[in-house]
Amino acid sequence: MSRNPHQEPNAGADGHTGRADDHTDGDTHGRADVTGRPRPNRDAAAPLPLRFGYGTNGLTDLRLDDALALLADLGYDGVGLTLDHMHLDPLADDLAARTRRVAHRLDALGLGVTVETGARYVLDPRRKHGPSLLDPDPDDRARRADLLVRAVRVAADLGAHAVHCFSGITPAGTDEDTAWKRLAESLSPVLDAAATEGVPLAVEPEPGHLLATLADFHRLRGTLGDREHLGLTLDIGHCQCLEPLTPADCVRAAAPWLRHVQIEDMRRGVHEHLPFGDGEIDFPPVLDALAATGYQGLTVVELPRHSHAGPHFAERSLPFLREAAAATTPRPTNRSGEPSATH
């Protein structure tokens, strides 16, 4: 049975479904659907405000409950929850019970959630991000695919907007055609699970990986036959790092497939996630472009190497993003004074 997080599931014996949206008052006015796009908001003449989150991979020195409370206290709309041993361990024997507790906590705090799967050593204590979807050993590839299927099911039970993943680095000695074939085959059962659960899978172009750019994402779409539940995670810093388009133009180009957004500062040609203001990105045009798409999933701050000072950067990042969002340029108007349809 499909467990679409935005459809009312069957409640358990205690009357609680274990989902983050379990105690809503029935008003879905302006809320996002499973694609990450907003439902119609009859009272709004302008795009809905962006919804900002912070990634738990930048808060690994905190207990998950403390991290969630911190983000709620700071005013974040949600959290990018990386499934990892120190927070919500996807390999735990009692994963279902743990997931229910996290769902209750998210609900109580009013936090939305996207599930992220970039934990460094969750499957192999010796290989960063290993095994990958591209490994020569089919059993290793299956282990990674199984982790992603678990993530999809966790996401459904949390009421998450999407599940994030990436391709992995092409192993030495593997030709490009073989790598793309492995990636498509490995993701097929994950997309089947995503379709069953009604949760989009949002693949992230990652510098240095097989799937590194927006063009690579479209190659995967073509290979897989443009599967309905295959979407995109757009990392704004990665756009600055290596895409030929500006970050704002990347947002506009990616809009039809956009299911999750990560954000941080970065410099051209250097894949280093930086706190806001330490890189080269001009953020008001990026956030303006993002709001114009109607995207209403989470835009999640991604600072995994700053976890040692995670609370400081979480506190600092949200005011920066809100100020940048408020500083967007006026939209061009036509002669009647109405916003231009070509913007």
C-alpha atoms as a PDB file:
ATOM      1  CA  MET A   1       0.000   0.000   0.000  1.00  0.00           C
ATOM      2  CA  SER A   2       1.318   3.441  -0.896  1.00  0.00           C
ATOM      3  CA  ARG A   3       2.275   5.615   2.052  1.00  0.00           C
ATOM      4  CA  ASN A   4       2.174   9.025   0.384  1.00  0.00           C
ATOM      5  CA  PRO A   5       3.183  11.436   3.168  1.00  0.00           C
ATOM      6  CA  HIS A   6       0.592  13.944   2.031  1.00  0.00           C
ATOM      7  CA  GLN A   7      -2.324  11.534   2.068  1.00  0.00           C
ATOM      8  CA  GLU A   8      -4.051  10.565   5.308  1.00  0.00           C
ATOM      9  CA  PRO A   9      -2.690   7.116   6.274  1.00  0.00           C
ATOM     10  CA  ASN A  10      -4.389   4.566   8.477  1.00  0.00           C
ATOM     11  CA  ALA A  11      -3.861   5.374  12.130  1.00  0.00           C
ATOM     12  CA  GLY A  12      -2.334   2.872  14.513  1.00  0.00           C
ATOM     13  CA  ALA A  13      -3.902   1.425  17.620  1.00  0.00           C
ATOM     14  CA  ASP A  14      -3.186   4.609  19.584  1.00  0.00           C
ATOM     15  CA  GLY A  15      -4.884   6.733  16.941  1.00  0.00           C
ATOM     16  CA  HIS A  16      -1.568   8.288  15.883  1.00  0.00           C
ATOM     17  CA  THR A  17      -0.127   7.594  12.469  1.00  0.00           C
ATOM     18  CA  GLY A  18       3.448   8.419  13.405  1.00  0.00           C
ATOM     19  CA  ARG A  19       3.721  11.110  10.736  1.00  0.00           C
ATOM     20  CA  ALA A  20       4.889  14.670  10.965  1.00  0.00           C
ATOM     21  CA  ASP A  21       1.571  15.974   9.610  1.00  0.00           C
ATOM     22  CA  ASP A  22      -0.562  13.868  11.970  1.00  0.00           C
ATOM     23  CA  HIS A  23      -1.987  16.762  13.991  1.00  0.00           C
ATOM     24  CA  THR A  24      -2.827  19.202  11.203  1.00  0.00           C
ATOM     25  CA  ASP A  25      -6.173  20.917  11.360  1.00  0.00           C
ATOM     26  CA  GLY A  26      -7.095  19.773   7.860  1.00  0.00           C
ATOM     27  CA  ASP A  27      -6.132  23.059   6.199  1.00  0.00           C
ATOM     28  CA  THR A  28      -3.615  22.341   3.450  1.00  0.00           C
ATOM     29  CA  HIS A  29      -3.764  25.930   2.246  1.00  0.00           C
ATOM     30  CA  GLY A  30      -0.492  26.697   0.497  1.00  0.00           C
ATOM     31  CA  ARG A  31       1.270  23.485   1.585  1.00  0.00           C
ATOM     32  CA  ALA A  32       3.545  21.593  -0.771  1.00  0.00           C
ATOM     33  CA  ASP A  33       2.461  18.424  -2.531  1.00  0.00           C
ATOM     34  CA  VAL A  34       4.689  15.395  -3.005  1.00  0.00           C
ATOM     35  CA  THR A  35       6.510  16.982  -5.930  1.00  0.00           C
ATOM     36  CA  GLY A  36       7.720  19.873  -3.796  1.00  0.00           C
ATOM     37  CA  ARG A  37       5.476  22.328  -5.625  1.00  0.00           C
ATOM     38  CA  PRO A  38       2.946  24.384  -3.647  1.00  0.00           C
ATOM     39  CA  ARG A  39      -0.722  23.619  -3.641  1.00  0.00           C
ATOM     40  CA  PRO A  40      -2.899  26.523  -4.795  1.00  0.00           C
ATOM     41  CA  ASN A  41      -3.118  29.378  -2.316  1.00  0.00           C
ATOM     42  CA  ARG A  42      -6.138  31.468  -3.180  1.00  0.00           C
ATOM     43  CA  ASP A  43      -5.181  34.315  -0.863  1.00  0.00           C
ATOM     44  CA  ALA A  44      -1.667  34.778  -2.227  1.00  0.00           C
ATOM     45  CA  ALA A  45      -0.914  37.011  -5.180  1.00  0.00           C
ATOM     46  CA  ALA A  46       2.853  36.482  -4.873  1.00  0.00           C
ATOM     47  CA  PRO A  47       5.028  33.383  -4.509  1.00  0.00           C
ATOM     48  CA  LEU A  48       4.978  31.821  -1.055  1.00  0.00           C
ATOM     49  CA  PRO A  49       8.013  32.472   1.149  1.00  0.00           C
ATOM     50  CA  LEU A  50      10.878  30.043   0.860  1.00  0.00           C
ATOM     51  CA  ARG A  51      11.167  27.454   3.612  1.00  0.00           C
ATOM     52  CA  PHE A  52      14.629  27.177   5.142  1.00  0.00           C
ATOM     53  CA  GLY A  53      16.159  24.188   6.899  1.00  0.00           C
ATOM     54  CA  TYR A  54      19.528  23.125   8.271  1.00  0.00           C
ATOM     55  CA  GLY A  55      21.255  19.812   7.654  1.00  0.00           C
ATOM     56  CA  THR A  56      21.953  17.472  10.557  1.00  0.00           C
ATOM     57  CA  ASN A  57      25.237  16.516   8.883  1.00  0.00           C
ATOM     58  CA  GLY A  58      26.361  19.930  10.155  1.00  0.00           C
ATOM     59  CA  LEU A  59      25.167  19.155  13.690  1.00  0.00           C
ATOM     60  CA  THR A  60      26.760  15.759  14.298  1.00  0.00           C
ATOM     61  CA  ASP A  61      28.097  16.739  17.729  1.00  0.00           C
ATOM     62  CA  LEU A  62      24.525  17.177  18.973  1.00  0.00           C
ATOM     63  CA  ARG A  63      22.011  14.508  19.887  1.00  0.00           C
ATOM     64  CA  LEU A  64      19.264  14.456  17.281  1.00  0.00           C
ATOM     65  CA  ASP A  65      16.621  15.628  19.758  1.00  0.00           C
ATOM     66  CA  ASP A  66      18.821  18.555  20.781  1.00  0.00           C
ATOM     67  CA  ALA A  67      19.556  19.411  17.141  1.00  0.00           C
ATOM     68  CA  LEU A  68      15.855  19.472  16.251  1.00  0.00           C
ATOM     69  CA  ALA A  69      15.025  21.614  19.291  1.00  0.00           C
ATOM     70  CA  LEU A  70      17.811  24.039  18.362  1.00  0.00           C
ATOM     71  CA  LEU A  71      16.526  24.460  14.809  1.00  0.00           C
ATOM     72  CA  ALA A  72      12.957  24.981  15.981  1.00  0.00           C
ATOM     73  CA  ASP A  73      14.098  27.564  18.553  1.00  0.00           C
ATOM     74  CA  LEU A  74      16.082  29.431  15.895  1.00  0.00           C
ATOM     75  CA  GLY A  75      13.031  29.634  13.642  1.00  0.00           C
ATOM     76  CA  TYR A  76      13.902  27.156  10.893  1.00  0.00           C
ATOM     77  CA  ASP A  77      11.035  25.653   8.928  1.00  0.00           C
ATOM     78  CA  GLY A  78      12.585  22.213   8.741  1.00  0.00           C
ATOM     79  CA  VAL A  79      15.583  19.926   8.732  1.00  0.00           C
ATOM     80  CA  GLY A  80      17.634  17.988   6.233  1.00  0.00           C
ATOM     81  CA  LEU A  81      17.919  14.732   8.180  1.00  0.00           C
ATOM     82  CA  THR A  82      20.953  12.640   7.239  1.00  0.00           C
ATOM     83  CA  LEU A  83      20.394   8.991   8.164  1.00  0.00           C
ATOM     84  CA  ASP A  84      23.496   8.108  10.163  1.00  0.00           C
ATOM     85  CA  HIS A  85      24.587   6.173  13.214  1.00  0.00           C
ATOM     86  CA  MET A  86      24.630   9.201  15.558  1.00  0.00           C
ATOM     87  CA  HIS A  87      21.120  10.345  14.691  1.00  0.00           C
ATOM     88  CA  LEU A  88      18.551   8.126  12.961  1.00  0.00           C
ATOM     89  CA  ASP A  89      20.524   4.960  12.159  1.00  0.00           C
ATOM     90  CA  PRO A  90      19.063   3.352   9.029  1.00  0.00           C
ATOM     91  CA  LEU A  91      20.583  -0.021   9.972  1.00  0.00           C
ATOM     92  CA  ALA A  92      19.180  -0.136  13.512  1.00  0.00           C
ATOM     93  CA  ASP A  93      17.077  -3.180  14.417  1.00  0.00           C
ATOM     94  CA  ASP A  94      14.416  -0.898  15.899  1.00  0.00           C
ATOM     95  CA  LEU A  95      14.402   1.557  13.001  1.00  0.00           C
ATOM     96  CA  ALA A  96      10.604   1.638  12.766  1.00  0.00           C
ATOM     97  CA  ALA A  97      10.217   2.564  16.437  1.00  0.00           C
ATOM     98  CA  ARG A  98      12.959   5.172  16.214  1.00  0.00           C
ATOM     99  CA  THR A  99      11.343   6.655  13.124  1.00  0.00           C
ATOM    100  CA  ARG A 100       7.999   6.944  14.912  1.00  0.00           C
ATOM    101  CA  ARG A 101       9.660   8.824  17.776  1.00  0.00           C
ATOM    102  CA  VAL A 102      11.352  11.222  15.360  1.00  0.00           C
ATOM    103  CA  ALA A 103       8.057  11.766  13.517  1.00  0.00           C
ATOM    104  CA  HIS A 104       6.356  12.696  16.787  1.00  0.00           C
ATOM    105  CA  ARG A 105       9.207  15.063  17.662  1.00  0.00           C
ATOM    106  CA  LEU A 106       9.134  16.779  14.258  1.00  0.00           C
ATOM    107  CA  ASP A 107       5.385  17.149  14.593  1.00  0.00           C
ATOM    108  CA  ALA A 108       5.643  18.640  18.072  1.00  0.00           C
ATOM    109  CA  LEU A 109       8.272  21.138  16.933  1.00  0.00           C
ATOM    110  CA  GLY A 110       6.502  22.032  13.684  1.00  0.00           C
ATOM    111  CA  LEU A 111       9.473  21.079  11.506  1.00  0.00           C
ATOM    112  CA  GLY A 112       9.307  19.809   7.938  1.00  0.00           C
ATOM    113  CA  VAL A 113      11.884  17.276   6.813  1.00  0.00           C
ATOM    114  CA  THR A 114      13.813  16.004   3.833  1.00  0.00           C
ATOM    115  CA  VAL A 115      15.745  12.740   4.200  1.00  0.00           C
ATOM    116  CA  GLU A 116      19.379  12.893   3.082  1.00  0.00           C
ATOM    117  CA  THR A 117      21.653   9.905   2.487  1.00  0.00           C
ATOM    118  CA  GLY A 118      25.156  11.373   2.361  1.00  0.00           C
ATOM    119  CA  ALA A 119      26.468   9.779   5.566  1.00  0.00           C
ATOM    120  CA  ARG A 120      30.176   9.108   5.117  1.00  0.00           C
ATOM    121  CA  TYR A 121      30.666   5.742   6.807  1.00  0.00           C
ATOM    122  CA  VAL A 122      27.203   4.357   7.506  1.00  0.00           C
ATOM    123  CA  LEU A 123      27.752   1.228   5.359  1.00  0.00           C
ATOM    124  CA  ASP A 124      31.518   0.747   5.488  1.00  0.00           C
ATOM    125  CA  PRO A 125      33.750   2.012   8.349  1.00  0.00           C
ATOM    126  CA  ARG A 126      36.778   2.137   6.049  1.00  0.00           C
ATOM    127  CA  ARG A 127      35.455   3.596   2.784  1.00  0.00           C
ATOM    128  CA  LYS A 128      33.948   7.079   2.669  1.00  0.00           C
ATOM    129  CA  HIS A 129      30.525   6.850   0.984  1.00  0.00           C
ATOM    130  CA  GLY A 130      31.240   3.202   0.239  1.00  0.00           C
ATOM    131  CA  PRO A 131      29.950   1.035  -1.222  1.00  0.00           C
ATOM    132  CA  SER A 132      28.371   3.111  -3.981  1.00  0.00           C
ATOM    133  CA  LEU A 133      25.822   2.501  -6.705  1.00  0.00           C
ATOM    134  CA  LEU A 134      28.747   2.119  -9.131  1.00  0.00           C
ATOM    135  CA  ASP A 135      30.856  -0.508  -7.355  1.00  0.00           C
ATOM    136  CA  PRO A 136      32.070  -3.462  -9.473  1.00  0.00           C
ATOM    137  CA  ASP A 137      30.657  -5.955  -6.953  1.00  0.00           C
ATOM    138  CA  PRO A 138      26.898  -6.325  -7.557  1.00  0.00           C
ATOM    139  CA  ASP A 139      26.364  -7.256  -3.905  1.00  0.00           C
ATOM    140  CA  ASP A 140      27.981  -3.989  -2.841  1.00  0.00           C
ATOM    141  CA  ARG A 141      25.803  -2.034  -5.244  1.00  0.00           C
ATOM    142  CA  ALA A 142      22.779  -3.811  -3.820  1.00  0.00           C
ATOM    143  CA  ARG A 143      23.772  -2.766  -0.285  1.00  0.00           C
ATOM    144  CA  ARG A 144      23.732   0.882  -1.309  1.00  0.00           C
ATOM    145  CA  ALA A 145      20.442   0.480  -3.170  1.00  0.00           C
ATOM    146  CA  ASP A 146      18.937  -1.237  -0.113  1.00  0.00           C
ATOM    147  CA  LEU A 147      20.005   1.708   2.045  1.00  0.00           C
ATOM    148  CA  LEU A 148      18.211   4.056  -0.327  1.00  0.00           C
ATOM    149  CA  VAL A 149      15.073   1.917  -0.272  1.00  0.00           C
ATOM    150  CA  ARG A 150      15.176   2.056   3.534  1.00  0.00           C
ATOM    151  CA  ALA A 151      15.556   5.826   3.282  1.00  0.00           C
ATOM    152  CA  VAL A 152      12.483   6.071   1.057  1.00  0.00           C
ATOM    153  CA  ARG A 153      10.425   4.125   3.599  1.00  0.00           C
ATOM    154  CA  VAL A 154      11.724   6.255   6.471  1.00  0.00           C
ATOM    155  CA  ALA A 155      10.885   9.364   4.468  1.00  0.00           C
ATOM    156  CA  ALA A 156       7.327   8.158   3.925  1.00  0.00           C
ATOM    157  CA  ASP A 157       6.911   7.470   7.637  1.00  0.00           C
ATOM    158  CA  LEU A 158       8.279  10.923   8.514  1.00  0.00           C
ATOM    159  CA  GLY A 159       6.111  12.747   5.973  1.00  0.00           C
ATOM    160  CA  ALA A 160       9.264  13.966   4.208  1.00  0.00           C
ATOM    161  CA  HIS A 161       9.139  15.956   0.982  1.00  0.00           C
ATOM    162  CA  ALA A 162      11.874  13.936  -0.750  1.00  0.00           C
ATOM    163  CA  VAL A 163      14.806  11.563  -0.391  1.00  0.00           C
ATOM    164  CA  HIS A 164      18.195  12.849  -1.492  1.00  0.00           C
ATOM    165  CA  CYS A 165      20.973  10.687  -2.970  1.00  0.00           C
ATOM    166  CA  PHE A 166      23.986  10.894  -5.291  1.00  0.00           C
ATOM    167  CA  SER A 167      25.680   8.613  -7.799  1.00  0.00           C
ATOM    168  CA  GLY A 168      29.130   8.052  -6.315  1.00  0.00           C
ATOM    169  CA  ILE A 169      32.581   8.262  -7.875  1.00  0.00           C
ATOM    170  CA  THR A 170      33.356   6.068 -10.873  1.00  0.00           C
ATOM    171  CA  PRO A 171      35.668   3.248  -9.668  1.00  0.00           C
ATOM    172  CA  ALA A 172      39.127   2.990 -11.177  1.00  0.00           C
ATOM    173  CA  GLY A 173      39.140   0.799 -14.273  1.00  0.00           C
ATOM    174  CA  THR A 174      35.410   1.249 -14.953  1.00  0.00           C
ATOM    175  CA  ASP A 175      34.500   2.781 -18.304  1.00  0.00           C
ATOM    176  CA  GLU A 176      31.860   5.495 -18.461  1.00  0.00           C
ATOM    177  CA  ASP A 177      29.189   3.478 -20.274  1.00  0.00           C
ATOM    178  CA  THR A 178      29.457   0.682 -17.721  1.00  0.00           C
ATOM    179  CA  ALA A 179      29.208   3.176 -14.865  1.00  0.00           C
ATOM    180  CA  TRP A 180      26.036   4.743 -16.275  1.00  0.00           C
ATOM    181  CA  LYS A 181      24.507   1.307 -16.796  1.00  0.00           C
ATOM    182  CA  ARG A 182      25.247   0.349 -13.196  1.00  0.00           C
ATOM    183  CA  LEU A 183      23.767   3.604 -11.917  1.00  0.00           C
ATOM    184  CA  ALA A 184      20.518   3.166 -13.830  1.00  0.00           C
ATOM    185  CA  GLU A 185      20.156  -0.477 -12.806  1.00  0.00           C
ATOM    186  CA  SER A 186      20.928   0.269  -9.154  1.00  0.00           C
ATOM    187  CA  LEU A 187      18.402   3.107  -8.964  1.00  0.00           C
ATOM    188  CA  SER A 188      15.558   1.149 -10.562  1.00  0.00           C
ATOM    189  CA  PRO A 189      14.429  -0.645  -7.363  1.00  0.00           C
ATOM    190  CA  VAL A 190      14.811   2.609  -5.420  1.00  0.00           C
ATOM    191  CA  LEU A 191      12.514   4.385  -7.860  1.00  0.00           C
ATOM    192  CA  ASP A 192      10.065   1.498  -7.597  1.00  0.00           C
ATOM    193  CA  ALA A 193      10.002   2.048  -3.825  1.00  0.00           C
ATOM    194  CA  ALA A 194       9.649   5.804  -4.329  1.00  0.00           C
ATOM    195  CA  ALA A 195       6.628   5.230  -6.565  1.00  0.00           C
ATOM    196  CA  THR A 196       5.072   2.849  -4.054  1.00  0.00           C
ATOM    197  CA  GLU A 197       5.577   5.229  -1.147  1.00  0.00           C
ATOM    198  CA  GLY A 198       4.764   8.398  -3.079  1.00  0.00           C
ATOM    199  CA  VAL A 199       8.049  10.117  -2.169  1.00  0.00           C
ATOM    200  CA  PRO A 200      10.294  11.667  -4.846  1.00  0.00           C
ATOM    201  CA  LEU A 201      13.907  10.545  -5.148  1.00  0.00           C
ATOM    202  CA  ALA A 202      16.029  13.678  -5.600  1.00  0.00           C
ATOM    203  CA  VAL A 203      19.415  12.899  -7.169  1.00  0.00           C
ATOM    204  CA  GLU A 204      22.180  15.416  -6.501  1.00  0.00           C
ATOM    205  CA  PRO A 205      24.834  16.354  -9.051  1.00  0.00           C
ATOM    206  CA  GLU A 206      28.026  16.140  -7.003  1.00  0.00           C
ATOM    207  CA  PRO A 207      31.435  17.468  -8.162  1.00  0.00           C
ATOM    208  CA  GLY A 208      33.804  14.586  -8.874  1.00  0.00           C
ATOM    209  CA  HIS A 209      31.004  12.020  -9.148  1.00  0.00           C
ATOM    210  CA  LEU A 210      29.756  10.263 -12.267  1.00  0.00           C
ATOM    211  CA  LEU A 211      26.631  12.421 -12.085  1.00  0.00           C
ATOM    212  CA  ALA A 212      28.274  15.793 -11.521  1.00  0.00           C
ATOM    213  CA  THR A 213      26.217  18.352 -13.457  1.00  0.00           C
ATOM    214  CA  LEU A 214      22.693  19.217 -14.526  1.00  0.00           C
ATOM    215  CA  ALA A 215      23.514  17.804 -17.950  1.00  0.00           C
ATOM    216  CA  ASP A 216      24.425  14.510 -16.288  1.00  0.00           C
ATOM    217  CA  PHE A 217      21.086  14.487 -14.463  1.00  0.00           C
ATOM    218  CA  HIS A 218      19.287  14.765 -17.776  1.00  0.00           C
ATOM    219  CA  ARG A 219      21.378  11.896 -19.141  1.00  0.00           C
ATOM    220  CA  LEU A 220      20.149   9.761 -16.236  1.00  0.00           C
ATOM    221  CA  ARG A 221      16.556  10.858 -16.876  1.00  0.00           C
ATOM    222  CA  GLY A 222      16.878   9.749 -20.470  1.00  0.00           C
ATOM    223  CA  THR A 223      18.423   6.429 -19.531  1.00  0.00           C
ATOM    224  CA  LEU A 224      15.672   5.669 -17.038  1.00  0.00           C
ATOM    225  CA  GLY A 225      12.861   6.756 -19.310  1.00  0.00           C
ATOM    226  CA  ASP A 226      12.030   9.948 -17.374  1.00  0.00           C
ATOM    227  CA  ARG A 227      10.543   8.105 -14.385  1.00  0.00           C
ATOM    228  CA  GLU A 228       7.864  10.126 -12.602  1.00  0.00           C
ATOM    229  CA  HIS A 229       9.431   9.954  -9.142  1.00  0.00           C
ATOM    230  CA  LEU A 230      12.948  10.826 -10.326  1.00  0.00           C
ATOM    231  CA  GLY A 231      13.706  14.400  -9.315  1.00  0.00           C
ATOM    232  CA  LEU A 232      16.649  16.650  -8.648  1.00  0.00           C
ATOM    233  CA  THR A 233      18.534  17.926  -5.623  1.00  0.00           C
ATOM    234  CA  LEU A 234      20.122  21.235  -6.594  1.00  0.00           C
ATOM    235  CA  ASP A 235      23.075  22.341  -4.483  1.00  0.00           C
ATOM    236  CA  ILE A 236      23.528  26.073  -5.027  1.00  0.00           C
ATOM    237  CA  GLY A 237      27.219  25.963  -4.122  1.00  0.00           C
ATOM    238  CA  HIS A 238      27.850  23.233  -6.681  1.00  0.00           C
ATOM    239  CA  CYS A 239      26.306  25.477  -9.333  1.00  0.00           C
ATOM    240  CA  GLN A 240      28.829  28.169  -8.461  1.00  0.00           C
ATOM    241  CA  CYS A 241      31.628  25.594  -8.404  1.00  0.00           C
ATOM    242  CA  LEU A 242      31.287  24.026 -11.849  1.00  0.00           C
ATOM    243  CA  GLU A 243      28.110  24.713 -13.823  1.00  0.00           C
ATOM    244  CA  PRO A 244      28.395  26.882 -16.976  1.00  0.00           C
ATOM    245  CA  LEU A 245      25.257  28.806 -15.920  1.00  0.00           C
ATOM    246  CA  THR A 246      25.038  31.190 -12.991  1.00  0.00           C
ATOM    247  CA  PRO A 247      23.413  29.740  -9.844  1.00  0.00           C
ATOM    248  CA  ALA A 248      20.243  31.752 -10.497  1.00  0.00           C
ATOM    249  CA  ASP A 249      20.070  30.472 -14.081  1.00  0.00           C
ATOM    250  CA  CYS A 250      20.676  26.928 -12.792  1.00  0.00           C
ATOM    251  CA  VAL A 251      17.615  27.308 -10.566  1.00  0.00           C
ATOM    252  CA  ARG A 252      15.486  28.409 -13.507  1.00  0.00           C
ATOM    253  CA  ALA A 253      16.791  25.596 -15.703  1.00  0.00           C
ATOM    254  CA  ALA A 254      16.216  22.982 -12.996  1.00  0.00           C
ATOM    255  CA  ALA A 255      12.762  24.156 -11.933  1.00  0.00           C
ATOM    256  CA  PRO A 256      10.624  21.414 -13.551  1.00  0.00           C
ATOM    257  CA  TRP A 257      12.564  18.659 -11.753  1.00  0.00           C
ATOM    258  CA  LEU A 258      13.400  20.431  -8.508  1.00  0.00           C
ATOM    259  CA  ARG A 259      12.529  18.363  -5.430  1.00  0.00           C
ATOM    260  CA  HIS A 260      15.199  19.414  -2.890  1.00  0.00           C
ATOM    261  CA  VAL A 261      17.617  22.329  -2.514  1.00  0.00           C
ATOM    262  CA  GLN A 262      20.862  22.574  -0.570  1.00  0.00           C
ATOM    263  CA  ILE A 263      22.556  25.912  -0.039  1.00  0.00           C
ATOM    264  CA  GLU A 264      25.878  27.284   1.133  1.00  0.00           C
ATOM    265  CA  ASP A 265      28.544  29.623  -0.178  1.00  0.00           C
ATOM    266  CA  MET A 266      31.281  28.452  -2.550  1.00  0.00           C
ATOM    267  CA  ARG A 267      33.978  29.679  -4.932  1.00  0.00           C
ATOM    268  CA  ARG A 268      34.336  28.930  -8.620  1.00  0.00           C
ATOM    269  CA  GLY A 269      36.299  25.743  -9.255  1.00  0.00           C
ATOM    270  CA  VAL A 270      36.725  24.841  -5.570  1.00  0.00           C
ATOM    271  CA  HIS A 271      34.407  22.238  -4.051  1.00  0.00           C
ATOM    272  CA  GLU A 272      34.438  23.534  -0.490  1.00  0.00           C
ATOM    273  CA  HIS A 273      31.213  24.240   1.399  1.00  0.00           C
ATOM    274  CA  LEU A 274      31.610  27.673   3.000  1.00  0.00           C
ATOM    275  CA  PRO A 275      29.563  29.717   5.477  1.00  0.00           C
ATOM    276  CA  PHE A 276      27.538  32.492   3.885  1.00  0.00           C
ATOM    277  CA  GLY A 277      29.689  35.475   2.995  1.00  0.00           C
ATOM    278  CA  ASP A 278      32.918  33.485   2.711  1.00  0.00           C
ATOM    279  CA  GLY A 279      32.461  32.608  -0.968  1.00  0.00           C
ATOM    280  CA  GLU A 280      31.471  34.278  -4.212  1.00  0.00           C
ATOM    281  CA  ILE A 281      27.719  33.688  -4.568  1.00  0.00           C
ATOM    282  CA  ASP A 282      25.316  36.613  -4.929  1.00  0.00           C
ATOM    283  CA  PHE A 283      22.360  35.165  -3.032  1.00  0.00           C
ATOM    284  CA  PRO A 284      19.427  37.582  -3.604  1.00  0.00           C
ATOM    285  CA  PRO A 285      19.110  36.701  -7.325  1.00  0.00           C
ATOM    286  CA  VAL A 286      19.349  32.985  -6.489  1.00  0.00           C
ATOM    287  CA  LEU A 287      16.603  33.130  -3.871  1.00  0.00           C
ATOM    288  CA  ASP A 288      14.497  35.349  -6.124  1.00  0.00           C
ATOM    289  CA  ALA A 289      14.752  32.765  -8.897  1.00  0.00           C
ATOM    290  CA  LEU A 290      13.935  29.966  -6.478  1.00  0.00           C
ATOM    291  CA  ALA A 291      10.854  31.719  -5.120  1.00  0.00           C
ATOM    292  CA  ALA A 292       9.671  32.446  -8.660  1.00  0.00           C
ATOM    293  CA  THR A 293       9.611  28.715  -9.453  1.00  0.00           C
ATOM    294  CA  GLY A 294       6.983  28.113  -6.769  1.00  0.00           C
ATOM    295  CA  TYR A 295       9.274  25.600  -5.060  1.00  0.00           C
ATOM    296  CA  GLN A 296       8.020  24.885  -1.546  1.00  0.00           C
ATOM    297  CA  GLY A 297      10.249  22.060  -0.421  1.00  0.00           C
ATOM    298  CA  LEU A 298      13.015  22.858   2.035  1.00  0.00           C
ATOM    299  CA  THR A 299      16.097  24.894   1.175  1.00  0.00           C
ATOM    300  CA  VAL A 300      18.644  23.320   3.503  1.00  0.00           C
ATOM    301  CA  VAL A 301      21.922  24.827   4.694  1.00  0.00           C
ATOM    302  CA  GLU A 302      24.691  22.319   3.919  1.00  0.00           C
ATOM    303  CA  LEU A 303      27.812  22.789   6.099  1.00  0.00           C
ATOM    304  CA  PRO A 304      28.984  19.260   6.949  1.00  0.00           C
ATOM    305  CA  ARG A 305      32.567  20.287   7.748  1.00  0.00           C
ATOM    306  CA  HIS A 306      31.486  22.933  10.250  1.00  0.00           C
ATOM    307  CA  SER A 307      29.774  20.590  12.681  1.00  0.00           C
ATOM    308  CA  HIS A 308      32.273  21.473  15.416  1.00  0.00           C
ATOM    309  CA  ALA A 309      30.572  24.884  15.530  1.00  0.00           C
ATOM    310  CA  GLY A 310      27.184  23.781  14.218  1.00  0.00           C
ATOM    311  CA  PRO A 311      24.977  25.753  16.634  1.00  0.00           C
ATOM    312  CA  HIS A 312      26.887  28.952  15.818  1.00  0.00           C
ATOM    313  CA  PHE A 313      26.512  28.525  12.060  1.00  0.00           C
ATOM    314  CA  ALA A 314      22.872  27.483  12.358  1.00  0.00           C
ATOM    315  CA  GLU A 315      22.158  30.665  14.304  1.00  0.00           C
ATOM    316  CA  ARG A 316      24.093  32.793  11.821  1.00  0.00           C
ATOM    317  CA  SER A 317      22.735  31.256   8.607  1.00  0.00           C
ATOM    318  CA  LEU A 318      19.005  31.837   8.951  1.00  0.00           C
ATOM    319  CA  PRO A 319      19.140  35.643   9.343  1.00  0.00           C
ATOM    320  CA  PHE A 320      21.494  35.786   6.356  1.00  0.00           C
ATOM    321  CA  LEU A 321      19.078  33.820   4.172  1.00  0.00           C
ATOM    322  CA  ARG A 322      16.058  35.819   5.292  1.00  0.00           C
ATOM    323  CA  GLU A 323      17.841  39.084   4.591  1.00  0.00           C
ATOM    324  CA  ALA A 324      18.966  37.848   1.178  1.00  0.00           C
ATOM    325  CA  ALA A 325      15.442  36.701   0.350  1.00  0.00           C
ATOM    326  CA  ALA A 326      14.069  40.109   1.346  1.00  0.00           C
ATOM    327  CA  ALA A 327      16.643  41.875  -0.846  1.00  0.00           C
ATOM    328  CA  THR A 328      15.438  40.390  -4.121  1.00  0.00           C
ATOM    329  CA  THR A 329      15.191  42.732  -7.070  1.00  0.00           C
ATOM    330  CA  PRO A 330      11.763  44.053  -8.208  1.00  0.00           C
ATOM    331  CA  ARG A 331      10.202  42.044 -11.015  1.00  0.00           C
ATOM    332  CA  PRO A 332       9.920  43.810 -14.406  1.00  0.00           C
ATOM    333  CA  THR A 333       6.429  45.043 -15.220  1.00  0.00           C
ATOM    334  CA  ASN A 334       4.560  45.573 -18.457  1.00  0.00           C
ATOM    335  CA  ARG A 335       2.834  48.816 -19.488  1.00  0.00           C
ATOM    336  CA  SER A 336      -0.227  48.068 -17.378  1.00  0.00           C
ATOM    337  CA  GLY A 337       1.932  47.754 -14.283  1.00  0.00           C
ATOM    338  CA  GLU A 338       1.388  44.009 -13.965  1.00  0.00           C
ATOM    339  CA  PRO A 339       4.362  41.670 -13.431  1.00  0.00           C
ATOM    340  CA  SER A 340       5.860  40.585 -16.728  1.00  0.00           C
ATOM    341  CA  ALA A 341       4.929  37.033 -17.757  1.00  0.00           C
ATOM    342  CA  THR A 342       8.365  36.571 -19.274  1.00  0.00           C
ATOM    343  CA  HIS A 343      10.292  37.064 -16.035  1.00  0.00           C
END
